[in-house]
Amino acid sequence: MKNKGVLVVVSAPSGCGKSTVLARLMQIRKELHFSVSATTRSPRPGEAEGVHYFFVERAQFERMVREDAFLEYAEYVGNYYGTPRAAVEEQLDRGYDVYLDIEVRGAMQVKARCPDALLIFLMPPSMEALEQRLTGRGTDTPEVVQKRLQEAERECAAAGEFDYVVVNDEVDRAAAEISARIDEKRALV
């Protein structure tokens, strides 16, 4: 029987490269499982049920909240998003490490409910670098970029609430550092 897995929570400001770092981490750690969130929003083109999200009706989501079925949840732009508790606990009990890719408020909910979770905050190398990344995407207006930067400053101010801060100045190095932190945590479980 394997030891219980480690619950890994990763948060980062928009544009910090979290998805790229986590994709690299998944290449390094083949047995790391990604927790699929539930949402009340409609699927976007190319999104698959149970792969990108579990798409549920608002009434079902609210019933799940009342039944304490989420590790964390929040409402964002009129839709709910949440991490189903049962699927995560099942993987952890089977000895698999599970990571949650969630925003700072959700991470703090998980920290309160799961004090043994490993919380990692992925930090941009600088606010200037983050602005260059956001601008370089070419997907947002300058006003939206400024709003994202303001939100990033708010999120970075909460970095001290996390177990570790990892600077994403280079993808392979950042992924390797997160992997090392998981190994350290696993040794304690």
N, C-alpha and C. Protein backbone atom coordinates (compact mmCIF):
# COMPACT_ATOMS: atom_id res chain seq x y z
N MET A 1 0.85 -1.19 0.00
CA MET A 1 0.00 0.00 0.00
C MET A 1 0.89 1.24 0.00
N LYS A 2 0.59 2.15 -0.89
CA LYS A 2 1.34 3.40 -0.96
C LYS A 2 0.95 4.30 0.20
N ASN A 3 1.86 5.21 0.55
CA ASN A 3 1.50 6.26 1.51
C ASN A 3 0.43 7.13 0.89
N LYS A 4 -0.23 7.90 1.74
CA LYS A 4 -1.21 8.85 1.24
C LYS A 4 -0.50 9.87 0.36
N GLY A 5 -1.18 10.33 -0.68
CA GLY A 5 -0.61 11.31 -1.58
C GLY A 5 -0.57 12.69 -0.97
N VAL A 6 0.09 13.61 -1.66
CA VAL A 6 0.22 14.99 -1.24
C VAL A 6 -0.73 15.85 -2.07
N LEU A 7 -1.48 16.70 -1.39
CA LEU A 7 -2.34 17.67 -2.06
C LEU A 7 -1.50 18.92 -2.30
N VAL A 8 -1.29 19.27 -3.56
CA VAL A 8 -0.45 20.39 -3.96
C VAL A 8 -1.35 21.47 -4.56
N VAL A 9 -1.30 22.65 -3.97
CA VAL A 9 -2.09 23.78 -4.45
C VAL A 9 -1.14 24.80 -5.07
N VAL A 10 -1.38 25.14 -6.33
CA VAL A 10 -0.52 26.10 -7.02
C VAL A 10 -1.38 27.28 -7.45
N SER A 11 -0.96 28.48 -7.03
CA SER A 11 -1.63 29.72 -7.42
C SER A 11 -0.60 30.65 -8.02
N ALA A 12 -1.08 31.54 -8.89
CA ALA A 12 -0.19 32.50 -9.53
C ALA A 12 -1.02 33.59 -10.18
N PRO A 13 -0.44 34.77 -10.35
CA PRO A 13 -1.14 35.81 -11.10
C PRO A 13 -1.31 35.41 -12.57
N SER A 14 -2.33 35.93 -13.19
CA SER A 14 -2.55 35.71 -14.61
C SER A 14 -1.34 36.17 -15.40
N GLY A 15 -0.88 35.33 -16.33
CA GLY A 15 0.26 35.69 -17.17
C GLY A 15 1.60 35.27 -16.60
N CYS A 16 1.60 34.64 -15.46
CA CYS A 16 2.85 34.26 -14.78
C CYS A 16 3.48 33.00 -15.41
N GLY A 17 2.73 32.29 -16.24
CA GLY A 17 3.25 31.08 -16.85
C GLY A 17 2.94 29.82 -16.08
N LYS A 18 1.91 29.89 -15.25
CA LYS A 18 1.54 28.75 -14.40
C LYS A 18 1.20 27.51 -15.23
N SER A 19 0.42 27.67 -16.27
CA SER A 19 0.03 26.51 -17.09
C SER A 19 1.25 25.85 -17.72
N THR A 20 2.20 26.65 -18.18
CA THR A 20 3.41 26.12 -18.79
C THR A 20 4.26 25.38 -17.75
N VAL A 21 4.41 25.96 -16.57
CA VAL A 21 5.19 25.32 -15.51
C VAL A 21 4.51 24.02 -15.08
N LEU A 22 3.18 24.05 -14.92
CA LEU A 22 2.47 22.85 -14.48
C LEU A 22 2.50 21.76 -15.55
N ALA A 23 2.47 22.13 -16.82
CA ALA A 23 2.59 21.13 -17.89
C ALA A 23 3.97 20.46 -17.81
N ARG A 24 5.00 21.24 -17.55
CA ARG A 24 6.35 20.69 -17.40
C ARG A 24 6.43 19.80 -16.15
N LEU A 25 5.79 20.23 -15.07
CA LEU A 25 5.76 19.43 -13.84
C LEU A 25 5.10 18.07 -14.10
N MET A 26 4.05 18.06 -14.89
CA MET A 26 3.36 16.80 -15.21
C MET A 26 4.26 15.88 -16.03
N GLN A 27 5.18 16.44 -16.81
CA GLN A 27 6.14 15.62 -17.55
C GLN A 27 7.17 15.01 -16.60
N ILE A 28 7.56 15.77 -15.59
CA ILE A 28 8.55 15.31 -14.61
C ILE A 28 7.95 14.25 -13.70
N ARG A 29 6.71 14.48 -13.26
CA ARG A 29 6.05 13.61 -12.28
C ARG A 29 4.86 12.92 -12.94
N LYS A 30 5.12 11.79 -13.54
CA LYS A 30 4.09 11.07 -14.32
C LYS A 30 2.88 10.66 -13.47
N GLU A 31 3.06 10.45 -12.18
CA GLU A 31 1.95 10.01 -11.34
C GLU A 31 1.24 11.15 -10.63
N LEU A 32 1.54 12.37 -11.00
CA LEU A 32 0.86 13.53 -10.43
C LEU A 32 -0.48 13.69 -11.15
N HIS A 33 -1.55 13.79 -10.38
CA HIS A 33 -2.89 13.90 -10.95
C HIS A 33 -3.38 15.34 -10.87
N PHE A 34 -4.05 15.77 -11.92
CA PHE A 34 -4.65 17.09 -11.97
C PHE A 34 -6.10 16.98 -11.51
N SER A 35 -6.50 17.85 -10.61
CA SER A 35 -7.87 17.87 -10.14
C SER A 35 -8.73 18.68 -11.10
N VAL A 36 -9.74 18.05 -11.64
CA VAL A 36 -10.66 18.72 -12.57
C VAL A 36 -11.73 19.44 -11.76
N SER A 37 -11.91 20.71 -12.03
CA SER A 37 -12.89 21.53 -11.31
C SER A 37 -14.28 21.38 -11.91
N ALA A 38 -15.26 21.73 -11.11
CA ALA A 38 -16.65 21.80 -11.58
C ALA A 38 -16.98 23.27 -11.85
N THR A 39 -17.84 23.51 -12.81
CA THR A 39 -18.27 24.88 -13.10
C THR A 39 -19.70 24.89 -13.61
N THR A 40 -20.34 26.03 -13.42
CA THR A 40 -21.70 26.22 -13.94
C THR A 40 -21.69 26.90 -15.30
N ARG A 41 -20.53 27.30 -15.78
CA ARG A 41 -20.51 27.95 -17.09
C ARG A 41 -20.64 26.90 -18.18
N SER A 42 -21.02 27.35 -19.36
CA SER A 42 -21.17 26.45 -20.51
C SER A 42 -19.80 26.06 -21.05
N PRO A 43 -19.70 24.88 -21.63
CA PRO A 43 -18.43 24.48 -22.23
C PRO A 43 -18.06 25.39 -23.40
N ARG A 44 -16.78 25.67 -23.52
CA ARG A 44 -16.27 26.42 -24.67
C ARG A 44 -15.91 25.42 -25.76
N PRO A 45 -15.79 25.88 -27.00
CA PRO A 45 -15.42 24.94 -28.07
C PRO A 45 -14.12 24.21 -27.73
N GLY A 46 -14.14 22.90 -27.90
CA GLY A 46 -12.96 22.08 -27.64
C GLY A 46 -12.85 21.56 -26.21
N GLU A 47 -13.67 22.07 -25.29
CA GLU A 47 -13.62 21.59 -23.91
C GLU A 47 -14.45 20.31 -23.77
N ALA A 48 -13.89 19.36 -23.03
CA ALA A 48 -14.55 18.07 -22.85
C ALA A 48 -14.94 17.87 -21.39
N GLU A 49 -16.12 17.30 -21.18
CA GLU A 49 -16.63 16.98 -19.85
C GLU A 49 -15.67 16.02 -19.15
N GLY A 50 -15.30 16.37 -17.91
CA GLY A 50 -14.43 15.52 -17.12
C GLY A 50 -12.95 15.66 -17.45
N VAL A 51 -12.63 16.39 -18.50
CA VAL A 51 -11.23 16.63 -18.88
C VAL A 51 -10.83 18.05 -18.50
N HIS A 52 -11.60 19.00 -19.01
CA HIS A 52 -11.32 20.41 -18.71
C HIS A 52 -12.10 20.86 -17.47
N TYR A 53 -13.35 20.46 -17.38
CA TYR A 53 -14.22 20.77 -16.25
C TYR A 53 -15.30 19.70 -16.17
N PHE A 54 -15.97 19.66 -15.01
CA PHE A 54 -17.24 18.98 -14.88
C PHE A 54 -18.28 20.09 -15.02
N PHE A 55 -19.09 20.04 -16.05
CA PHE A 55 -20.08 21.08 -16.29
C PHE A 55 -21.39 20.69 -15.62
N VAL A 56 -21.83 21.51 -14.66
CA VAL A 56 -23.03 21.20 -13.90
C VAL A 56 -23.99 22.39 -13.92
N GLU A 57 -25.24 22.09 -13.71
CA GLU A 57 -26.25 23.15 -13.61
C GLU A 57 -26.07 23.90 -12.29
N ARG A 58 -26.49 25.13 -12.26
CA ARG A 58 -26.35 25.97 -11.08
C ARG A 58 -27.02 25.34 -9.85
N ALA A 59 -28.21 24.81 -10.01
CA ALA A 59 -28.93 24.19 -8.87
C ALA A 59 -28.14 22.99 -8.32
N GLN A 60 -27.55 22.20 -9.21
CA GLN A 60 -26.75 21.06 -8.77
C GLN A 60 -25.52 21.54 -8.02
N PHE A 61 -24.86 22.58 -8.51
CA PHE A 61 -23.67 23.11 -7.85
C PHE A 61 -24.04 23.60 -6.45
N GLU A 62 -25.13 24.36 -6.35
CA GLU A 62 -25.55 24.89 -5.05
C GLU A 62 -25.91 23.77 -4.08
N ARG A 63 -26.50 22.68 -4.59
CA ARG A 63 -26.78 21.52 -3.74
C ARG A 63 -25.47 20.91 -3.24
N MET A 64 -24.46 20.82 -4.14
CA MET A 64 -23.16 20.29 -3.75
C MET A 64 -22.50 21.16 -2.68
N VAL A 65 -22.69 22.48 -2.76
CA VAL A 65 -22.16 23.38 -1.72
C VAL A 65 -22.82 23.06 -0.39
N ARG A 66 -24.14 22.91 -0.39
CA ARG A 66 -24.86 22.60 0.85
C ARG A 66 -24.43 21.26 1.43
N GLU A 67 -24.06 20.32 0.56
CA GLU A 67 -23.64 18.99 0.99
C GLU A 67 -22.15 18.92 1.33
N ASP A 68 -21.46 20.06 1.31
CA ASP A 68 -20.04 20.14 1.63
C ASP A 68 -19.21 19.26 0.69
N ALA A 69 -19.55 19.29 -0.59
CA ALA A 69 -18.89 18.44 -1.58
C ALA A 69 -17.66 19.07 -2.22
N PHE A 70 -17.31 20.30 -1.81
CA PHE A 70 -16.17 20.98 -2.42
C PHE A 70 -15.08 21.25 -1.40
N LEU A 71 -13.82 21.15 -1.84
CA LEU A 71 -12.69 21.60 -1.02
C LEU A 71 -12.66 23.12 -0.99
N GLU A 72 -13.04 23.71 -2.11
CA GLU A 72 -13.11 25.17 -2.23
C GLU A 72 -14.05 25.48 -3.38
N TYR A 73 -14.63 26.66 -3.34
CA TYR A 73 -15.45 27.11 -4.46
C TYR A 73 -15.55 28.62 -4.40
N ALA A 74 -15.90 29.19 -5.55
CA ALA A 74 -16.08 30.64 -5.64
C ALA A 74 -16.99 30.95 -6.81
N GLU A 75 -17.56 32.12 -6.77
CA GLU A 75 -18.33 32.61 -7.91
C GLU A 75 -17.48 33.64 -8.62
N TYR A 76 -17.37 33.52 -9.93
CA TYR A 76 -16.56 34.43 -10.72
C TYR A 76 -17.32 34.77 -12.00
N VAL A 77 -17.56 36.04 -12.21
CA VAL A 77 -18.26 36.55 -13.38
C VAL A 77 -19.57 35.80 -13.61
N GLY A 78 -20.33 35.61 -12.54
CA GLY A 78 -21.65 35.01 -12.65
C GLY A 78 -21.70 33.50 -12.71
N ASN A 79 -20.57 32.84 -12.65
CA ASN A 79 -20.54 31.38 -12.67
C ASN A 79 -19.77 30.87 -11.46
N TYR A 80 -20.18 29.68 -11.00
CA TYR A 80 -19.47 29.03 -9.91
C TYR A 80 -18.35 28.14 -10.46
N TYR A 81 -17.29 28.04 -9.67
CA TYR A 81 -16.18 27.13 -9.93
C TYR A 81 -15.83 26.49 -8.60
N GLY A 82 -15.51 25.19 -8.62
CA GLY A 82 -15.16 24.54 -7.37
C GLY A 82 -14.40 23.24 -7.59
N THR A 83 -13.71 22.80 -6.54
CA THR A 83 -12.92 21.57 -6.56
C THR A 83 -13.69 20.48 -5.83
N PRO A 84 -14.21 19.48 -6.57
CA PRO A 84 -14.95 18.39 -5.92
C PRO A 84 -14.05 17.61 -4.94
N ARG A 85 -14.52 17.51 -3.73
CA ARG A 85 -13.76 16.88 -2.66
C ARG A 85 -13.55 15.37 -2.88
N ALA A 86 -14.57 14.62 -3.23
CA ALA A 86 -14.50 13.16 -3.29
C ALA A 86 -13.43 12.67 -4.26
N ALA A 87 -13.35 13.27 -5.44
CA ALA A 87 -12.37 12.82 -6.44
C ALA A 87 -10.95 13.05 -5.96
N VAL A 88 -10.71 14.18 -5.31
CA VAL A 88 -9.37 14.49 -4.79
C VAL A 88 -9.02 13.51 -3.67
N GLU A 89 -9.92 13.32 -2.73
CA GLU A 89 -9.64 12.43 -1.60
C GLU A 89 -9.40 10.99 -2.06
N GLU A 90 -10.14 10.55 -3.07
CA GLU A 90 -9.95 9.19 -3.59
C GLU A 90 -8.53 9.02 -4.14
N GLN A 91 -8.06 9.98 -4.92
CA GLN A 91 -6.70 9.89 -5.48
C GLN A 91 -5.64 9.96 -4.38
N LEU A 92 -5.83 10.85 -3.42
CA LEU A 92 -4.87 10.96 -2.31
C LEU A 92 -4.81 9.66 -1.52
N ASP A 93 -5.97 9.06 -1.25
CA ASP A 93 -6.02 7.81 -0.50
C ASP A 93 -5.35 6.66 -1.24
N ARG A 94 -5.35 6.75 -2.57
CA ARG A 94 -4.69 5.72 -3.39
C ARG A 94 -3.19 5.95 -3.49
N GLY A 95 -2.71 7.04 -2.87
CA GLY A 95 -1.28 7.31 -2.84
C GLY A 95 -0.78 8.24 -3.93
N TYR A 96 -1.70 8.79 -4.70
CA TYR A 96 -1.30 9.71 -5.77
C TYR A 96 -1.25 11.15 -5.26
N ASP A 97 -0.28 11.89 -5.74
CA ASP A 97 -0.24 13.31 -5.48
C ASP A 97 -1.22 13.99 -6.42
N VAL A 98 -1.92 14.99 -5.92
CA VAL A 98 -2.94 15.69 -6.70
C VAL A 98 -2.64 17.17 -6.63
N TYR A 99 -2.69 17.84 -7.80
CA TYR A 99 -2.49 19.29 -7.75
C TYR A 99 -3.74 20.03 -8.17
N LEU A 100 -3.93 21.14 -7.49
CA LEU A 100 -5.03 22.06 -7.79
C LEU A 100 -4.43 23.32 -8.37
N ASP A 101 -4.95 23.74 -9.48
CA ASP A 101 -4.54 24.99 -10.14
C ASP A 101 -5.67 25.97 -9.87
N ILE A 102 -5.55 26.73 -8.76
CA ILE A 102 -6.65 27.60 -8.34
C ILE A 102 -6.13 28.97 -7.93
N GLU A 103 -7.06 29.91 -7.84
CA GLU A 103 -6.68 31.28 -7.49
C GLU A 103 -6.46 31.38 -5.98
N VAL A 104 -5.94 32.52 -5.56
CA VAL A 104 -5.50 32.71 -4.18
C VAL A 104 -6.62 32.50 -3.16
N ARG A 105 -7.80 33.04 -3.41
CA ARG A 105 -8.90 32.87 -2.44
C ARG A 105 -9.24 31.40 -2.25
N GLY A 106 -9.28 30.65 -3.35
CA GLY A 106 -9.54 29.22 -3.25
C GLY A 106 -8.44 28.49 -2.50
N ALA A 107 -7.20 28.91 -2.74
CA ALA A 107 -6.06 28.30 -2.03
C ALA A 107 -6.19 28.49 -0.53
N MET A 108 -6.67 29.66 -0.12
CA MET A 108 -6.83 29.92 1.32
C MET A 108 -7.96 29.07 1.91
N GLN A 109 -9.00 28.79 1.11
CA GLN A 109 -10.06 27.89 1.57
C GLN A 109 -9.50 26.48 1.77
N VAL A 110 -8.68 26.03 0.82
CA VAL A 110 -8.09 24.69 0.93
C VAL A 110 -7.15 24.64 2.14
N LYS A 111 -6.37 25.69 2.34
CA LYS A 111 -5.46 25.73 3.48
C LYS A 111 -6.22 25.58 4.80
N ALA A 112 -7.39 26.22 4.90
CA ALA A 112 -8.19 26.12 6.13
C ALA A 112 -8.77 24.72 6.31
N ARG A 113 -9.15 24.08 5.21
CA ARG A 113 -9.79 22.76 5.29
C ARG A 113 -8.79 21.61 5.30
N CYS A 114 -7.65 21.82 4.69
CA CYS A 114 -6.64 20.76 4.53
C CYS A 114 -5.28 21.30 4.97
N PRO A 115 -5.05 21.40 6.26
CA PRO A 115 -3.81 22.01 6.74
C PRO A 115 -2.54 21.29 6.30
N ASP A 116 -2.64 20.04 5.86
CA ASP A 116 -1.47 19.30 5.39
C ASP A 116 -1.16 19.55 3.92
N ALA A 117 -2.01 20.31 3.24
CA ALA A 117 -1.77 20.60 1.82
C ALA A 117 -0.48 21.40 1.66
N LEU A 118 0.17 21.22 0.53
CA LEU A 118 1.37 21.96 0.17
C LEU A 118 0.94 23.12 -0.73
N LEU A 119 1.12 24.35 -0.25
CA LEU A 119 0.70 25.52 -1.02
C LEU A 119 1.91 26.21 -1.63
N ILE A 120 1.88 26.35 -2.95
CA ILE A 120 2.96 26.96 -3.71
C ILE A 120 2.41 28.19 -4.43
N PHE A 121 3.10 29.31 -4.27
CA PHE A 121 2.74 30.52 -5.01
C PHE A 121 3.80 30.73 -6.08
N LEU A 122 3.38 30.76 -7.33
CA LEU A 122 4.29 30.98 -8.46
C LEU A 122 4.33 32.48 -8.74
N MET A 123 5.51 33.04 -8.59
CA MET A 123 5.71 34.48 -8.68
C MET A 123 6.38 34.83 -10.01
N PRO A 124 5.97 35.93 -10.62
CA PRO A 124 6.71 36.38 -11.81
C PRO A 124 8.07 36.91 -11.39
N PRO A 125 9.06 36.92 -12.28
CA PRO A 125 10.38 37.43 -11.91
C PRO A 125 10.33 38.91 -11.51
N SER A 126 9.40 39.65 -12.09
CA SER A 126 9.19 41.06 -11.74
C SER A 126 7.85 41.49 -12.32
N MET A 127 7.34 42.59 -11.83
CA MET A 127 6.08 43.11 -12.39
C MET A 127 6.29 43.58 -13.83
N GLU A 128 7.49 44.04 -14.13
CA GLU A 128 7.80 44.47 -15.49
C GLU A 128 7.75 43.27 -16.45
N ALA A 129 8.33 42.15 -16.01
CA ALA A 129 8.31 40.93 -16.83
C ALA A 129 6.87 40.45 -17.02
N LEU A 130 6.07 40.54 -15.96
CA LEU A 130 4.67 40.14 -16.07
C LEU A 130 3.94 41.03 -17.06
N GLU A 131 4.17 42.32 -16.99
CA GLU A 131 3.53 43.25 -17.93
C GLU A 131 3.93 42.92 -19.37
N GLN A 132 5.20 42.60 -19.58
CA GLN A 132 5.65 42.22 -20.92
C GLN A 132 4.96 40.96 -21.40
N ARG A 133 4.80 39.97 -20.51
CA ARG A 133 4.12 38.72 -20.88
C ARG A 133 2.67 38.99 -21.24
N LEU A 134 1.99 39.78 -20.39
CA LEU A 134 0.57 40.07 -20.65
C LEU A 134 0.39 40.86 -21.94
N THR A 135 1.24 41.83 -22.15
CA THR A 135 1.17 42.65 -23.37
C THR A 135 1.52 41.80 -24.59
N GLY A 136 2.52 40.94 -24.43
CA GLY A 136 2.98 40.10 -25.53
C GLY A 136 1.96 39.08 -26.01
N ARG A 137 1.03 38.73 -25.17
CA ARG A 137 -0.03 37.80 -25.58
C ARG A 137 -0.85 38.37 -26.75
N GLY A 138 -1.04 39.70 -26.68
CA GLY A 138 -1.83 40.36 -27.71
C GLY A 138 -3.32 40.05 -27.63
N THR A 139 -3.78 39.55 -26.49
CA THR A 139 -5.19 39.18 -26.36
C THR A 139 -6.01 40.19 -25.57
N ASP A 140 -5.34 41.09 -24.88
CA ASP A 140 -6.05 42.03 -24.00
C ASP A 140 -5.75 43.47 -24.40
N THR A 141 -6.72 44.33 -24.15
CA THR A 141 -6.52 45.76 -24.35
C THR A 141 -5.56 46.28 -23.29
N PRO A 142 -4.96 47.43 -23.49
CA PRO A 142 -4.09 48.00 -22.46
C PRO A 142 -4.82 48.18 -21.12
N GLU A 143 -6.11 48.50 -21.16
CA GLU A 143 -6.88 48.66 -19.92
C GLU A 143 -7.01 47.34 -19.18
N VAL A 144 -7.25 46.28 -19.91
CA VAL A 144 -7.37 44.95 -19.29
C VAL A 144 -6.02 44.52 -18.72
N VAL A 145 -4.96 44.79 -19.45
CA VAL A 145 -3.62 44.46 -18.95
C VAL A 145 -3.38 45.17 -17.62
N GLN A 146 -3.75 46.45 -17.53
CA GLN A 146 -3.56 47.19 -16.29
C GLN A 146 -4.39 46.59 -15.15
N LYS A 147 -5.62 46.17 -15.45
CA LYS A 147 -6.44 45.52 -14.42
C LYS A 147 -5.81 44.22 -13.96
N ARG A 148 -5.27 43.45 -14.89
CA ARG A 148 -4.61 42.19 -14.54
C ARG A 148 -3.37 42.45 -13.67
N LEU A 149 -2.65 43.52 -13.98
CA LEU A 149 -1.46 43.87 -13.18
C LEU A 149 -1.87 44.29 -11.77
N GLN A 150 -2.96 45.04 -11.65
CA GLN A 150 -3.44 45.43 -10.32
C GLN A 150 -3.84 44.20 -9.51
N GLU A 151 -4.53 43.27 -10.17
CA GLU A 151 -4.93 42.03 -9.49
C GLU A 151 -3.69 41.21 -9.12
N ALA A 152 -2.68 41.20 -9.99
CA ALA A 152 -1.44 40.48 -9.72
C ALA A 152 -0.75 41.04 -8.48
N GLU A 153 -0.74 42.35 -8.33
CA GLU A 153 -0.13 42.96 -7.14
C GLU A 153 -0.88 42.53 -5.88
N ARG A 154 -2.21 42.47 -5.95
CA ARG A 154 -3.01 42.02 -4.82
C ARG A 154 -2.68 40.56 -4.49
N GLU A 155 -2.60 39.73 -5.53
CA GLU A 155 -2.31 38.31 -5.31
C GLU A 155 -0.89 38.11 -4.77
N CYS A 156 0.07 38.83 -5.31
CA CYS A 156 1.46 38.71 -4.84
C CYS A 156 1.59 39.12 -3.38
N ALA A 157 0.76 40.04 -2.94
CA ALA A 157 0.78 40.46 -1.54
C ALA A 157 0.38 39.31 -0.61
N ALA A 158 -0.34 38.32 -1.13
CA ALA A 158 -0.78 37.17 -0.33
C ALA A 158 0.22 36.02 -0.38
N ALA A 159 1.32 36.18 -1.10
CA ALA A 159 2.28 35.08 -1.27
C ALA A 159 2.80 34.55 0.06
N GLY A 160 2.88 35.40 1.08
CA GLY A 160 3.36 34.98 2.38
C GLY A 160 2.46 33.97 3.08
N GLU A 161 1.23 33.82 2.61
CA GLU A 161 0.29 32.85 3.17
C GLU A 161 0.57 31.43 2.66
N PHE A 162 1.45 31.31 1.66
CA PHE A 162 1.75 30.02 1.04
C PHE A 162 2.99 29.42 1.70
N ASP A 163 3.14 28.09 1.56
CA ASP A 163 4.30 27.42 2.14
C ASP A 163 5.59 27.81 1.44
N TYR A 164 5.51 27.95 0.12
CA TYR A 164 6.69 28.29 -0.68
C TYR A 164 6.32 29.27 -1.78
N VAL A 165 7.28 30.12 -2.10
CA VAL A 165 7.16 31.01 -3.25
C VAL A 165 8.21 30.55 -4.24
N VAL A 166 7.78 30.28 -5.47
CA VAL A 166 8.69 29.85 -6.53
C VAL A 166 8.64 30.91 -7.62
N VAL A 167 9.79 31.45 -7.97
CA VAL A 167 9.86 32.47 -9.01
C VAL A 167 9.96 31.77 -10.36
N ASN A 168 9.06 32.13 -11.26
CA ASN A 168 9.08 31.54 -12.60
C ASN A 168 9.94 32.40 -13.52
N ASP A 169 11.26 32.30 -13.32
CA ASP A 169 12.19 33.00 -14.20
C ASP A 169 12.65 32.08 -15.33
N GLU A 170 12.45 30.77 -15.13
CA GLU A 170 12.80 29.77 -16.14
C GLU A 170 11.94 28.54 -15.86
N VAL A 171 11.20 28.08 -16.87
CA VAL A 171 10.18 27.05 -16.70
C VAL A 171 10.73 25.77 -16.10
N ASP A 172 11.81 25.22 -16.66
CA ASP A 172 12.35 23.95 -16.16
C ASP A 172 12.81 24.07 -14.71
N ARG A 173 13.45 25.18 -14.37
CA ARG A 173 13.92 25.37 -13.01
C ARG A 173 12.75 25.48 -12.04
N ALA A 174 11.71 26.24 -12.42
CA ALA A 174 10.54 26.41 -11.55
C ALA A 174 9.82 25.07 -11.35
N ALA A 175 9.65 24.31 -12.43
CA ALA A 175 9.00 23.00 -12.31
C ALA A 175 9.82 22.06 -11.43
N ALA A 176 11.14 22.08 -11.59
CA ALA A 176 12.01 21.23 -10.78
C ALA A 176 11.93 21.62 -9.30
N GLU A 177 11.83 22.92 -9.03
CA GLU A 177 11.73 23.36 -7.64
C GLU A 177 10.41 22.90 -7.01
N ILE A 178 9.32 23.00 -7.76
CA ILE A 178 8.04 22.52 -7.24
C ILE A 178 8.11 21.02 -7.00
N SER A 179 8.71 20.29 -7.93
CA SER A 179 8.85 18.84 -7.78
C SER A 179 9.65 18.51 -6.52
N ALA A 180 10.72 19.25 -6.26
CA ALA A 180 11.53 19.02 -5.05
C ALA A 180 10.72 19.28 -3.79
N ARG A 181 9.86 20.30 -3.81
CA ARG A 181 9.02 20.60 -2.64
C ARG A 181 8.02 19.47 -2.41
N ILE A 182 7.51 18.89 -3.48
CA ILE A 182 6.59 17.74 -3.34
C ILE A 182 7.34 16.56 -2.71
N ASP A 183 8.56 16.31 -3.18
CA ASP A 183 9.36 15.22 -2.60
C ASP A 183 9.59 15.43 -1.10
N GLU A 184 9.90 16.68 -0.73
CA GLU A 184 10.11 16.99 0.69
C GLU A 184 8.83 16.72 1.50
N LYS A 185 7.70 17.15 0.97
CA LYS A 185 6.43 16.95 1.66
C LYS A 185 6.09 15.47 1.73
N ARG A 186 6.34 14.74 0.63
CA ARG A 186 6.04 13.31 0.58
C ARG A 186 6.83 12.55 1.64
N ALA A 187 8.05 12.99 1.90
CA ALA A 187 8.89 12.33 2.91
C ALA A 187 8.29 12.46 4.30
N LEU A 188 7.44 13.44 4.50
CA LEU A 188 6.81 13.67 5.81
C LEU A 188 5.47 12.95 5.96
N VAL A 189 4.91 12.48 4.85
CA VAL A 189 3.57 11.87 4.89
C VAL A 189 3.65 10.43 5.31
